[in-house]
PDB file of N, CA and C in Angstrom:
ATOM      1  N   MET A   1    -116.670  48.802  64.862  1.00  0.00           N
ATOM      2  CA  MET A   1    -117.068  49.560  63.691  1.00  0.00           C
ATOM      3  C   MET A   1    -117.557  50.944  64.128  1.00  0.00           C
ATOM      4  N   ILE A   2    -117.300  51.917  63.280  1.00  0.00           N
ATOM      5  CA  ILE A   2    -117.681  53.304  63.562  1.00  0.00           C
ATOM      6  C   ILE A   2    -118.784  53.725  62.599  1.00  0.00           C
ATOM      7  N   LYS A   3    -119.864  54.279  63.141  1.00  0.00           N
ATOM      8  CA  LYS A   3    -120.955  54.779  62.300  1.00  0.00           C
ATOM      9  C   LYS A   3    -120.505  56.081  61.651  1.00  0.00           C
ATOM     10  N   VAL A   4    -120.578  56.125  60.309  1.00  0.00           N
ATOM     11  CA  VAL A   4    -120.121  57.285  59.553  1.00  0.00           C
ATOM     12  C   VAL A   4    -121.267  58.251  59.288  1.00  0.00           C
ATOM     13  N   CYS A   5    -122.354  57.738  58.683  1.00  0.00           N
ATOM     14  CA  CYS A   5    -123.501  58.569  58.351  1.00  0.00           C
ATOM     15  C   CYS A   5    -124.624  57.710  57.807  1.00  0.00           C
ATOM     16  N   HIS A   6    -125.753  58.323  57.540  1.00  0.00           N
ATOM     17  CA  HIS A   6    -126.882  57.677  56.876  1.00  0.00           C
ATOM     18  C   HIS A   6    -126.553  57.615  55.388  1.00  0.00           C
ATOM     19  N   VAL A   7    -126.985  56.567  54.721  1.00  0.00           N
ATOM     20  CA  VAL A   7    -126.713  56.396  53.290  1.00  0.00           C
ATOM     21  C   VAL A   7    -127.152  57.627  52.492  1.00  0.00           C
ATOM     22  N   ASN A   8    -128.298  58.204  52.826  1.00  0.00           N
ATOM     23  CA  ASN A   8    -128.811  59.368  52.093  1.00  0.00           C
ATOM     24  C   ASN A   8    -128.007  60.638  52.349  1.00  0.00           C
ATOM     25  N   ASP A   9    -127.156  60.647  53.373  1.00  0.00           N
ATOM     26  CA  ASP A   9    -126.322  61.811  53.668  1.00  0.00           C
ATOM     27  C   ASP A   9    -125.062  61.861  52.800  1.00  0.00           C
ATOM     28  N   LEU A  10    -124.847  60.837  51.987  1.00  0.00           N
ATOM     29  CA  LEU A  10    -123.668  60.768  51.122  1.00  0.00           C
ATOM     30  C   LEU A  10    -124.154  60.678  49.670  1.00  0.00           C
ATOM     31  N   PRO A  11    -124.342  61.832  49.025  1.00  0.00           N
ATOM     32  CA  PRO A  11    -124.837  61.832  47.636  1.00  0.00           C
ATOM     33  C   PRO A  11    -123.852  61.163  46.674  1.00  0.00           C
ATOM     34  N   GLU A  12    -124.351  60.795  45.517  1.00  0.00           N
ATOM     35  CA  GLU A  12    -123.513  60.198  44.468  1.00  0.00           C
ATOM     36  C   GLU A  12    -122.377  61.148  44.102  1.00  0.00           C
ATOM     37  N   LYS A  13    -121.189  60.582  43.888  1.00  0.00           N
ATOM     38  CA  LYS A  13    -119.962  61.303  43.535  1.00  0.00           C
ATOM     39  C   LYS A  13    -119.615  62.365  44.579  1.00  0.00           C
ATOM     40  N   SER A  14    -119.666  61.932  45.840  1.00  0.00           N
ATOM     41  CA  SER A  14    -119.304  62.832  46.933  1.00  0.00           C
ATOM     42  C   SER A  14    -118.448  62.081  47.943  1.00  0.00           C
ATOM     43  N   ALA A  15    -117.913  62.829  48.894  1.00  0.00           N
ATOM     44  CA  ALA A  15    -117.082  62.246  49.946  1.00  0.00           C
ATOM     45  C   ALA A  15    -117.378  62.929  51.272  1.00  0.00           C
ATOM     46  N   LYS A  16    -117.149  62.187  52.328  1.00  0.00           N
ATOM     47  CA  LYS A  16    -117.255  62.703  53.691  1.00  0.00           C
ATOM     48  C   LYS A  16    -115.953  62.324  54.376  1.00  0.00           C
ATOM     49  N   VAL A  17    -115.322  63.281  55.040  1.00  0.00           N
ATOM     50  CA  VAL A  17    -114.062  63.020  55.726  1.00  0.00           C
ATOM     51  C   VAL A  17    -114.322  62.942  57.221  1.00  0.00           C
ATOM     52  N   ILE A  18    -113.813  61.865  57.831  1.00  0.00           N
ATOM     53  CA  ILE A  18    -113.931  61.700  59.278  1.00  0.00           C
ATOM     54  C   ILE A  18    -112.540  61.465  59.853  1.00  0.00           C
ATOM     55  N   MET A  19    -112.381  61.763  61.121  1.00  0.00           N
ATOM     56  CA  MET A  19    -111.110  61.522  61.810  1.00  0.00           C
ATOM     57  C   MET A  19    -111.255  60.289  62.695  1.00  0.00           C
ATOM     58  N   VAL A  20    -110.310  59.366  62.571  1.00  0.00           N
ATOM     59  CA  VAL A  20    -110.289  58.175  63.408  1.00  0.00           C
ATOM     60  C   VAL A  20    -108.870  58.025  63.953  1.00  0.00           C
ATOM     61  N   HIS A  21    -108.728  58.226  65.260  1.00  0.00           N
ATOM     62  CA  HIS A  21    -107.408  58.108  65.909  1.00  0.00           C
ATOM     63  C   HIS A  21    -106.346  58.928  65.182  1.00  0.00           C
ATOM     64  N   ASP A  22    -106.632  60.172  64.930  1.00  0.00           N
ATOM     65  CA  ASP A  22    -105.718  61.104  64.257  1.00  0.00           C
ATOM     66  C   ASP A  22    -105.456  60.778  62.783  1.00  0.00           C
ATOM     67  N   THR A  23    -106.253  59.901  62.200  1.00  0.00           N
ATOM     68  CA  THR A  23    -106.121  59.579  60.780  1.00  0.00           C
ATOM     69  C   THR A  23    -107.353  60.083  60.045  1.00  0.00           C
ATOM     70  N   PRO A  24    -107.166  60.957  59.044  1.00  0.00           N
ATOM     71  CA  PRO A  24    -108.316  61.386  58.254  1.00  0.00           C
ATOM     72  C   PRO A  24    -108.682  60.296  57.250  1.00  0.00           C
ATOM     73  N   ILE A  25    -109.959  59.942  57.232  1.00  0.00           N
ATOM     74  CA  ILE A  25    -110.448  58.905  56.324  1.00  0.00           C
ATOM     75  C   ILE A  25    -111.561  59.501  55.472  1.00  0.00           C
ATOM     76  N   ALA A  26    -111.446  59.325  54.156  1.00  0.00           N
ATOM     77  CA  ALA A  26    -112.467  59.801  53.227  1.00  0.00           C
ATOM     78  C   ALA A  26    -113.367  58.629  52.858  1.00  0.00           C
ATOM     79  N   VAL A  27    -114.669  58.833  53.038  1.00  0.00           N
ATOM     80  CA  VAL A  27    -115.665  57.843  52.653  1.00  0.00           C
ATOM     81  C   VAL A  27    -116.345  58.384  51.397  1.00  0.00           C
ATOM     82  N   PHE A  28    -116.252  57.631  50.306  1.00  0.00           N
ATOM     83  CA  PHE A  28    -116.745  58.063  49.005  1.00  0.00           C
ATOM     84  C   PHE A  28    -117.974  57.260  48.590  1.00  0.00           C
ATOM     85  N   LYS A  29    -118.811  57.885  47.755  1.00  0.00           N
ATOM     86  CA  LYS A  29    -119.903  57.169  47.091  1.00  0.00           C
ATOM     87  C   LYS A  29    -119.848  57.522  45.616  1.00  0.00           C
ATOM     88  N   THR A  30    -119.693  56.502  44.797  1.00  0.00           N
ATOM     89  CA  THR A  30    -119.691  56.697  43.351  1.00  0.00           C
ATOM     90  C   THR A  30    -120.078  55.398  42.676  1.00  0.00           C
ATOM     91  N   GLY A  31    -120.813  55.515  41.589  1.00  0.00           N
ATOM     92  CA  GLY A  31    -121.283  54.330  40.887  1.00  0.00           C
ATOM     93  C   GLY A  31    -122.168  53.457  41.756  1.00  0.00           C
ATOM     94  N   GLY A  32    -122.809  54.064  42.748  1.00  0.00           N
ATOM     95  CA  GLY A  32    -123.668  53.322  43.666  1.00  0.00           C
ATOM     96  C   GLY A  32    -122.917  52.543  44.723  1.00  0.00           C
ATOM     97  N   LYS A  33    -121.579  52.625  44.720  1.00  0.00           N
ATOM     98  CA  LYS A  33    -120.749  51.907  45.689  1.00  0.00           C
ATOM     99  C   LYS A  33    -120.185  52.877  46.716  1.00  0.00           C
ATOM    100  N   ILE A  34    -119.896  52.366  47.890  1.00  0.00           N
ATOM    101  CA  ILE A  34    -119.305  53.171  48.950  1.00  0.00           C
ATOM    102  C   ILE A  34    -117.965  52.543  49.317  1.00  0.00           C
ATOM    103  N   PHE A  35    -116.945  53.375  49.463  1.00  0.00           N
ATOM    104  CA  PHE A  35    -115.623  52.883  49.827  1.00  0.00           C
ATOM    105  C   PHE A  35    -114.916  53.917  50.683  1.00  0.00           C
ATOM    106  N   ALA A  36    -113.843  53.504  51.345  1.00  0.00           N
ATOM    107  CA  ALA A  36    -113.116  54.402  52.248  1.00  0.00           C
ATOM    108  C   ALA A  36    -111.615  54.244  52.066  1.00  0.00           C
ATOM    109  N   TRP A  37    -110.929  55.394  52.035  1.00  0.00           N
ATOM    110  CA  TRP A  37    -109.470  55.434  51.910  1.00  0.00           C
ATOM    111  C   TRP A  37    -108.895  56.375  52.958  1.00  0.00           C
ATOM    112  N   ASP A  38    -107.629  56.180  53.249  1.00  0.00           N
ATOM    113  CA  ASP A  38    -106.884  57.201  53.981  1.00  0.00           C
ATOM    114  C   ASP A  38    -107.025  58.465  53.135  1.00  0.00           C
ATOM    115  N   ASN A  39    -107.414  59.553  53.745  1.00  0.00           N
ATOM    116  CA  ASN A  39    -107.719  60.781  53.007  1.00  0.00           C
ATOM    117  C   ASN A  39    -106.489  61.503  52.467  1.00  0.00           C
ATOM    118  N   ARG A  40    -105.309  61.068  52.828  1.00  0.00           N
ATOM    119  CA  ARG A  40    -104.089  61.774  52.426  1.00  0.00           C
ATOM    120  C   ARG A  40    -103.523  61.228  51.117  1.00  0.00           C
ATOM    121  N   CYS A  41    -103.425  62.102  50.121  1.00  0.00           N
ATOM    122  CA  CYS A  41    -102.817  61.728  48.844  1.00  0.00           C
ATOM    123  C   CYS A  41    -101.379  61.288  49.099  1.00  0.00           C
ATOM    124  N   PRO A  42    -100.963  60.133  48.548  1.00  0.00           N
ATOM    125  CA  PRO A  42     -99.591  59.671  48.794  1.00  0.00           C
ATOM    126  C   PRO A  42     -98.524  60.562  48.159  1.00  0.00           C
ATOM    127  N   HIS A  43     -98.905  61.442  47.269  1.00  0.00           N
ATOM    128  CA  HIS A  43     -97.947  62.331  46.622  1.00  0.00           C
ATOM    129  C   HIS A  43     -97.471  63.414  47.581  1.00  0.00           C
ATOM    130  N   ARG A  44     -98.415  64.231  48.103  1.00  0.00           N
ATOM    131  CA  ARG A  44     -98.025  65.332  48.977  1.00  0.00           C
ATOM    132  C   ARG A  44     -98.977  65.529  50.154  1.00  0.00           C
ATOM    133  N   GLY A  45     -99.863  64.549  50.402  1.00  0.00           N
ATOM    134  CA  GLY A  45    -100.708  64.602  51.580  1.00  0.00           C
ATOM    135  C   GLY A  45    -101.982  65.422  51.466  1.00  0.00           C
ATOM    136  N   ALA A  46    -102.343  65.883  50.275  1.00  0.00           N
ATOM    137  CA  ALA A  46    -103.568  66.669  50.100  1.00  0.00           C
ATOM    138  C   ALA A  46    -104.796  65.801  50.355  1.00  0.00           C
ATOM    139  N   SER A  47    -105.916  66.440  50.626  1.00  0.00           N
ATOM    140  CA  SER A  47    -107.169  65.738  50.914  1.00  0.00           C
ATOM    141  C   SER A  47    -107.775  65.139  49.653  1.00  0.00           C
ATOM    142  N   LEU A  48    -107.907  63.808  49.619  1.00  0.00           N
ATOM    143  CA  LEU A  48    -108.554  63.157  48.481  1.00  0.00           C
ATOM    144  C   LEU A  48    -110.064  63.376  48.529  1.00  0.00           C
ATOM    145  N   GLY A  49    -110.618  63.569  49.718  1.00  0.00           N
ATOM    146  CA  GLY A  49    -112.043  63.816  49.861  1.00  0.00           C
ATOM    147  C   GLY A  49    -112.484  65.120  49.224  1.00  0.00           C
ATOM    148  N   ASP A  50    -111.546  66.017  48.988  1.00  0.00           N
ATOM    149  CA  ASP A  50    -111.842  67.290  48.328  1.00  0.00           C
ATOM    150  C   ASP A  50    -111.623  67.217  46.821  1.00  0.00           C
ATOM    151  N   GLY A  51    -111.235  66.046  46.332  1.00  0.00           N
ATOM    152  CA  GLY A  51    -110.900  65.905  44.923  1.00  0.00           C
ATOM    153  C   GLY A  51    -112.100  65.724  44.015  1.00  0.00           C
ATOM    154  N   TYR A  52    -111.807  65.576  42.722  1.00  0.00           N
ATOM    155  CA  TYR A  52    -112.824  65.384  41.697  1.00  0.00           C
ATOM    156  C   TYR A  52    -113.124  63.890  41.610  1.00  0.00           C
ATOM    157  N   ILE A  53    -114.399  63.515  41.746  1.00  0.00           N
ATOM    158  CA  ILE A  53    -114.809  62.118  41.802  1.00  0.00           C
ATOM    159  C   ILE A  53    -115.592  61.765  40.543  1.00  0.00           C
ATOM    160  N   THR A  54    -115.177  60.686  39.867  1.00  0.00           N
ATOM    161  CA  THR A  54    -115.929  60.151  38.729  1.00  0.00           C
ATOM    162  C   THR A  54    -116.397  58.746  39.106  1.00  0.00           C
ATOM    163  N   ASN A  55    -116.970  58.023  38.155  1.00  0.00           N
ATOM    164  CA  ASN A  55    -117.383  56.643  38.437  1.00  0.00           C
ATOM    165  C   ASN A  55    -116.201  55.699  38.592  1.00  0.00           C
ATOM    166  N   THR A  56    -115.030  56.088  38.083  1.00  0.00           N
ATOM    167  CA  THR A  56    -113.887  55.174  38.108  1.00  0.00           C
ATOM    168  C   THR A  56    -112.653  55.722  38.820  1.00  0.00           C
ATOM    169  N   THR A  57    -112.599  57.033  39.057  1.00  0.00           N
ATOM    170  CA  THR A  57    -111.398  57.618  39.654  1.00  0.00           C
ATOM    171  C   THR A  57    -111.726  58.716  40.669  1.00  0.00           C
ATOM    172  N   VAL A  58    -110.717  58.997  41.485  1.00  0.00           N
ATOM    173  CA  VAL A  58    -110.703  60.184  42.339  1.00  0.00           C
ATOM    174  C   VAL A  58    -109.431  60.930  41.974  1.00  0.00           C
ATOM    175  N   GLN A  59    -109.571  62.231  41.726  1.00  0.00           N
ATOM    176  CA  GLN A  59    -108.414  63.033  41.333  1.00  0.00           C
ATOM    177  C   GLN A  59    -108.087  64.014  42.443  1.00  0.00           C
ATOM    178  N   CYS A  60    -106.836  64.015  42.888  1.00  0.00           N
ATOM    179  CA  CYS A  60    -106.368  64.970  43.884  1.00  0.00           C
ATOM    180  C   CYS A  60    -106.458  66.375  43.279  1.00  0.00           C
ATOM    181  N   LYS A  61    -107.082  67.284  43.994  1.00  0.00           N
ATOM    182  CA  LYS A  61    -107.306  68.615  43.406  1.00  0.00           C
ATOM    183  C   LYS A  61    -106.058  69.490  43.387  1.00  0.00           C
ATOM    184  N   PHE A  62    -105.033  69.139  44.145  1.00  0.00           N
ATOM    185  CA  PHE A  62    -103.841  69.988  44.184  1.00  0.00           C
ATOM    186  C   PHE A  62    -102.827  69.670  43.097  1.00  0.00           C
ATOM    187  N   HIS A  63    -102.521  68.404  42.882  1.00  0.00           N
ATOM    188  CA  HIS A  63    -101.509  68.064  41.883  1.00  0.00           C
ATOM    189  C   HIS A  63    -102.047  67.148  40.793  1.00  0.00           C
ATOM    190  N   LEU A  64    -103.373  66.924  40.810  1.00  0.00           N
ATOM    191  CA  LEU A  64    -104.100  66.216  39.753  1.00  0.00           C
ATOM    192  C   LEU A  64    -103.751  64.742  39.599  1.00  0.00           C
ATOM    193  N   TRP A  65    -103.158  64.136  40.628  1.00  0.00           N
ATOM    194  CA  TRP A  65    -102.940  62.698  40.575  1.00  0.00           C
ATOM    195  C   TRP A  65    -104.295  62.019  40.577  1.00  0.00           C
ATOM    196  N   GLU A  66    -104.439  60.957  39.770  1.00  0.00           N
ATOM    197  CA  GLU A  66    -105.689  60.203  39.704  1.00  0.00           C
ATOM    198  C   GLU A  66    -105.498  58.825  40.330  1.00  0.00           C
ATOM    199  N   PHE A  67    -106.551  58.378  41.026  1.00  0.00           N
ATOM    200  CA  PHE A  67    -106.521  57.082  41.693  1.00  0.00           C
ATOM    201  C   PHE A  67    -107.701  56.238  41.228  1.00  0.00           C
ATOM    202  N   ASP A  68    -107.406  55.001  40.842  1.00  0.00           N
ATOM    203  CA  ASP A  68    -108.424  54.066  40.380  1.00  0.00           C
ATOM    204  C   ASP A  68    -109.214  53.548  41.580  1.00  0.00           C
ATOM    205  N   ILE A  69    -110.530  53.686  41.519  1.00  0.00           N
ATOM    206  CA  ILE A  69    -111.377  53.309  42.646  1.00  0.00           C
ATOM    207  C   ILE A  69    -111.336  51.803  42.900  1.00  0.00           C
ATOM    208  N   GLU A  70    -111.445  51.011  41.867  1.00  0.00           N
ATOM    209  CA  GLU A  70    -111.476  49.551  42.039  1.00  0.00           C
ATOM    210  C   GLU A  70    -110.116  48.982  42.446  1.00  0.00           C
ATOM    211  N   LYS A  71    -109.049  49.479  41.828  1.00  0.00           N
ATOM    212  CA  LYS A  71    -107.707  48.947  42.106  1.00  0.00           C
ATOM    213  C   LYS A  71    -107.059  49.571  43.337  1.00  0.00           C
ATOM    214  N   GLU A  72    -107.595  50.713  43.796  1.00  0.00           N
ATOM    215  CA  GLU A  72    -107.070  51.432  44.967  1.00  0.00           C
ATOM    216  C   GLU A  72    -105.596  51.785  44.805  1.00  0.00           C
ATOM    217  N   CYS A  73    -105.284  52.339  43.628  1.00  0.00           N
ATOM    218  CA  CYS A  73    -103.908  52.721  43.344  1.00  0.00           C
ATOM    219  C   CYS A  73    -103.904  53.893  42.359  1.00  0.00           C
ATOM    220  N   ALA A  74    -102.716  54.476  42.168  1.00  0.00           N
ATOM    221  CA  ALA A  74    -102.569  55.568  41.204  1.00  0.00           C
ATOM    222  C   ALA A  74    -102.776  55.030  39.793  1.00  0.00           C
ATOM    223  N   VAL A  75    -103.457  55.802  38.966  1.00  0.00           N
ATOM    224  CA  VAL A  75    -103.713  55.393  37.581  1.00  0.00           C
ATOM    225  C   VAL A  75    -102.398  55.308  36.809  1.00  0.00           C
ATOM    226  N   ALA A  76    -101.518  56.263  36.999  1.00  0.00           N
ATOM    227  CA  ALA A  76    -100.264  56.317  36.250  1.00  0.00           C
ATOM    228  C   ALA A  76     -99.216  55.314  36.738  1.00  0.00           C
ATOM    229  N   ASN A  77     -99.361  54.842  37.981  1.00  0.00           N
ATOM    230  CA  ASN A  77     -98.371  53.930  38.543  1.00  0.00           C
ATOM    231  C   ASN A  77     -99.057  53.042  39.574  1.00  0.00           C
ATOM    232  N   GLU A  78     -99.413  51.827  39.178  1.00  0.00           N
ATOM    233  CA  GLU A  78    -100.170  50.934  40.046  1.00  0.00           C
ATOM    234  C   GLU A  78     -99.413  50.470  41.282  1.00  0.00           C
ATOM    235  N   THR A  79     -98.126  50.749  41.369  1.00  0.00           N
ATOM    236  CA  THR A  79     -97.385  50.384  42.579  1.00  0.00           C
ATOM    237  C   THR A  79     -97.651  51.376  43.720  1.00  0.00           C
ATOM    238  N   ILE A  80     -98.249  52.516  43.398  1.00  0.00           N
ATOM    239  CA  ILE A  80     -98.598  53.503  44.427  1.00  0.00           C
ATOM    240  C   ILE A  80    -100.001  53.172  44.913  1.00  0.00           C
ATOM    241  N   LYS A  81    -100.058  52.480  46.041  1.00  0.00           N
ATOM    242  CA  LYS A  81    -101.316  51.985  46.599  1.00  0.00           C
ATOM    243  C   LYS A  81    -101.881  52.945  47.637  1.00  0.00           C
ATOM    244  N   LEU A  82    -103.199  52.888  47.803  1.00  0.00           N
ATOM    245  CA  LEU A  82    -103.882  53.655  48.832  1.00  0.00           C
ATOM    246  C   LEU A  82    -104.293  52.710  49.952  1.00  0.00           C
ATOM    247  N   LYS A  83    -104.267  53.221  51.177  1.00  0.00           N
ATOM    248  CA  LYS A  83    -104.752  52.417  52.297  1.00  0.00           C
ATOM    249  C   LYS A  83    -106.272  52.513  52.298  1.00  0.00           C
ATOM    250  N   SER A  84    -106.926  51.363  52.271  1.00  0.00           N
ATOM    251  CA  SER A  84    -108.388  51.353  52.260  1.00  0.00           C
ATOM    252  C   SER A  84    -108.914  50.722  53.547  1.00  0.00           C
ATOM    253  N   PHE A  85    -110.180  50.965  53.802  1.00  0.00           N
ATOM    254  CA  PHE A  85    -110.849  50.460  54.997  1.00  0.00           C
ATOM    255  C   PHE A  85    -112.167  49.818  54.592  1.00  0.00           C
ATOM    256  N   PRO A  86    -112.510  48.671  55.191  1.00  0.00           N
ATOM    257  CA  PRO A  86    -113.782  48.023  54.869  1.00  0.00           C
ATOM    258  C   PRO A  86    -114.974  48.859  55.324  1.00  0.00           C
ATOM    259  N   ILE A  87    -116.033  48.796  54.535  1.00  0.00           N
ATOM    260  CA  ILE A  87    -117.292  49.502  54.794  1.00  0.00           C
ATOM    261  C   ILE A  87    -118.392  48.456  54.949  1.00  0.00           C
ATOM    262  N   ALA A  88    -119.342  48.729  55.831  1.00  0.00           N
ATOM    263  CA  ALA A  88    -120.523  47.879  55.961  1.00  0.00           C
ATOM    264  C   ALA A  88    -121.755  48.774  55.981  1.00  0.00           C
ATOM    265  N   ILE A  89    -122.826  48.304  55.359  1.00  0.00           N
ATOM    266  CA  ILE A  89    -124.107  49.006  55.394  1.00  0.00           C
ATOM    267  C   ILE A  89    -125.025  48.180  56.287  1.00  0.00           C
ATOM    268  N   LYS A  90    -125.513  48.818  57.333  1.00  0.00           N
ATOM    269  CA  LYS A  90    -126.450  48.150  58.248  1.00  0.00           C
ATOM    270  C   LYS A  90    -127.692  49.015  58.322  1.00  0.00           C
ATOM    271  N   GLY A  91    -128.798  48.464  57.829  1.00  0.00           N
ATOM    272  CA  GLY A  91    -130.002  49.273  57.716  1.00  0.00           C
ATOM    273  C   GLY A  91    -129.739  50.333  56.675  1.00  0.00           C
ATOM    274  N   GLN A  92    -129.840  51.580  57.063  1.00  0.00           N
ATOM    275  CA  GLN A  92    -129.553  52.692  56.157  1.00  0.00           C
ATOM    276  C   GLN A  92    -128.321  53.480  56.608  1.00  0.00           C
ATOM    277  N   HIS A  93    -127.473  52.859  57.433  1.00  0.00           N
ATOM    278  CA  HIS A  93    -126.294  53.556  57.947  1.00  0.00           C
ATOM    279  C   HIS A  93    -125.005  52.924  57.411  1.00  0.00           C
ATOM    280  N   ILE A  94    -124.024  53.771  57.200  1.00  0.00           N
ATOM    281  CA  ILE A  94    -122.705  53.349  56.719  1.00  0.00           C
ATOM    282  C   ILE A  94    -121.795  53.243  57.930  1.00  0.00           C
ATOM    283  N   PHE A  95    -121.092  52.107  58.037  1.00  0.00           N
ATOM    284  CA  PHE A  95    -120.154  51.874  59.119  1.00  0.00           C
ATOM    285  C   PHE A  95    -118.772  51.624  58.536  1.00  0.00           C
ATOM    286  N   LEU A  96    -117.750  52.071  59.243  1.00  0.00           N
ATOM    287  CA  LEU A  96    -116.360  51.916  58.848  1.00  0.00           C
ATOM    288  C   LEU A  96    -115.698  50.944  59.805  1.00  0.00           C
ATOM    289  N   ASP A  97    -115.029  49.935  59.239  1.00  0.00           N
ATOM    290  CA  ASP A  97    -114.309  48.945  60.047  1.00  0.00           C
ATOM    291  C   ASP A  97    -112.848  49.366  60.139  1.00  0.00           C
ATOM    292  N   ILE A  98    -112.411  49.752  61.308  1.00  0.00           N
ATOM    293  CA  ILE A  98    -111.031  50.213  61.468  1.00  0.00           C
ATOM    294  C   ILE A  98    -110.153  49.198  62.183  1.00  0.00           C
ATOM    295  N   SER A  99    -110.662  47.987  62.392  1.00  0.00           N
ATOM    296  CA  SER A  99    -109.881  46.979  63.121  1.00  0.00           C
ATOM    297  C   SER A  99    -108.751  46.403  62.303  1.00  0.00           C
TER     298      SER A  99
END
Protein backbone atom coordinates (compact mmCIF):
# COMPACT_ATOMS: atom_id res chain seq x y z
CA MET A 1 0.00 0.00 0.00
CA ILE A 2 1.13 3.54 -0.77
CA LYS A 3 0.56 6.43 1.64
CA VAL A 4 -1.24 9.19 -0.26
CA CYS A 5 -1.82 11.93 2.32
CA HIS A 6 -3.38 12.85 5.66
CA VAL A 7 -7.19 12.82 5.65
CA ASN A 8 -7.26 16.57 6.45
CA ASP A 9 -5.06 17.29 3.39
CA LEU A 10 -7.91 16.23 1.08
CA PRO A 11 -10.80 18.70 1.49
CA GLU A 12 -14.38 17.81 0.56
CA LYS A 13 -15.04 17.78 -3.21
CA SER A 14 -11.35 17.79 -4.08
CA ALA A 15 -8.79 15.50 -5.68
CA LYS A 16 -5.10 14.77 -5.36
CA VAL A 17 -3.20 13.23 -8.27
CA ILE A 18 -0.29 10.89 -7.62
CA MET A 19 1.93 8.90 -9.96
CA VAL A 20 2.31 5.16 -9.40
CA HIS A 21 4.53 3.25 -11.84
CA ASP A 22 3.89 5.79 -14.62
CA THR A 23 0.13 5.71 -14.00
CA PRO A 24 -1.57 8.90 -12.82
CA ILE A 25 -4.13 8.13 -10.12
CA ALA A 26 -6.68 10.64 -8.82
CA VAL A 27 -7.74 10.27 -5.20
CA PHE A 28 -11.07 12.02 -4.59
CA LYS A 29 -13.04 13.00 -1.49
CA THR A 30 -16.74 13.71 -1.84
CA GLY A 31 -19.78 13.01 0.27
CA GLY A 32 -17.40 12.11 3.09
CA LYS A 33 -16.07 9.16 1.05
CA ILE A 34 -12.63 8.69 -0.47
CA PHE A 35 -12.04 6.82 -3.72
CA ALA A 36 -9.35 6.46 -6.38
CA TRP A 37 -9.48 6.15 -10.17
CA ASP A 38 -7.04 6.09 -13.03
CA ASN A 39 -6.75 9.84 -13.61
CA ARG A 40 -7.11 9.57 -17.39
CA CYS A 41 -10.55 10.21 -18.87
CA PRO A 42 -11.40 7.26 -21.14
CA HIS A 43 -12.64 9.68 -23.80
CA ARG A 44 -9.43 11.58 -24.60
CA GLY A 45 -7.11 11.08 -21.62
CA ALA A 46 -7.71 14.41 -19.82
CA SER A 47 -7.11 14.64 -16.06
CA LEU A 48 -10.20 13.67 -14.06
CA GLY A 49 -8.55 15.07 -10.93
CA ASP A 50 -8.86 18.53 -12.49
CA GLY A 51 -12.56 18.06 -13.16
CA TYR A 52 -15.70 19.34 -11.47
CA ILE A 53 -16.60 17.17 -8.45
CA THR A 54 -20.11 16.84 -6.97
CA ASN A 55 -21.48 14.40 -4.39
CA THR A 56 -22.41 11.95 -7.15
CA THR A 57 -20.24 12.68 -10.21
CA VAL A 58 -16.89 13.82 -11.53
CA GLN A 59 -16.99 15.80 -14.77
CA CYS A 60 -14.03 15.93 -17.14
CA LYS A 61 -13.24 19.61 -17.60
CA PHE A 62 -12.19 19.30 -21.25
CA HIS A 63 -15.09 17.51 -22.93
CA LEU A 64 -17.60 17.52 -20.05
CA TRP A 65 -18.03 13.76 -19.81
CA GLU A 66 -19.57 12.85 -16.43
CA PHE A 67 -18.69 9.79 -14.38
CA ASP A 68 -20.84 8.26 -11.65
CA ILE A 69 -18.84 7.95 -8.44
CA GLU A 70 -20.65 4.89 -7.06
CA LYS A 71 -20.93 2.97 -10.35
CA GLU A 72 -17.44 4.00 -11.58
CA CYS A 73 -18.67 4.49 -15.12
CA ALA A 74 -19.80 7.18 -17.56
CA VAL A 75 -23.23 8.61 -16.75
CA ALA A 76 -24.32 8.59 -20.40
CA ASN A 77 -23.01 5.07 -21.11
CA GLU A 78 -22.51 2.63 -18.25
CA THR A 79 -20.41 0.32 -20.42
CA ILE A 80 -17.59 2.90 -20.25
CA LYS A 81 -15.94 1.87 -16.99
CA LEU A 82 -13.18 3.54 -15.00
CA LYS A 83 -10.29 1.67 -13.46
CA SER A 84 -10.53 2.07 -9.70
CA PHE A 85 -8.15 1.31 -6.85
CA PRO A 86 -8.96 0.29 -3.27
CA ILE A 87 -8.40 2.88 -0.53
CA ALA A 88 -7.71 2.26 3.15
CA ILE A 89 -7.74 4.73 6.04
CA LYS A 90 -5.24 3.92 8.77
CA GLY A 91 -5.23 6.37 11.63
CA GLN A 92 -5.59 9.69 9.86
CA HIS A 93 -3.75 8.69 6.67
CA ILE A 94 -5.11 7.60 3.30
CA PHE A 95 -3.43 4.61 1.66
CA LEU A 96 -3.82 3.35 -1.91
CA ASP A 97 -3.75 -0.37 -2.66
CA ILE A 98 -2.12 -0.91 -6.04
CA SER A 99 -1.67 -4.69 -5.82
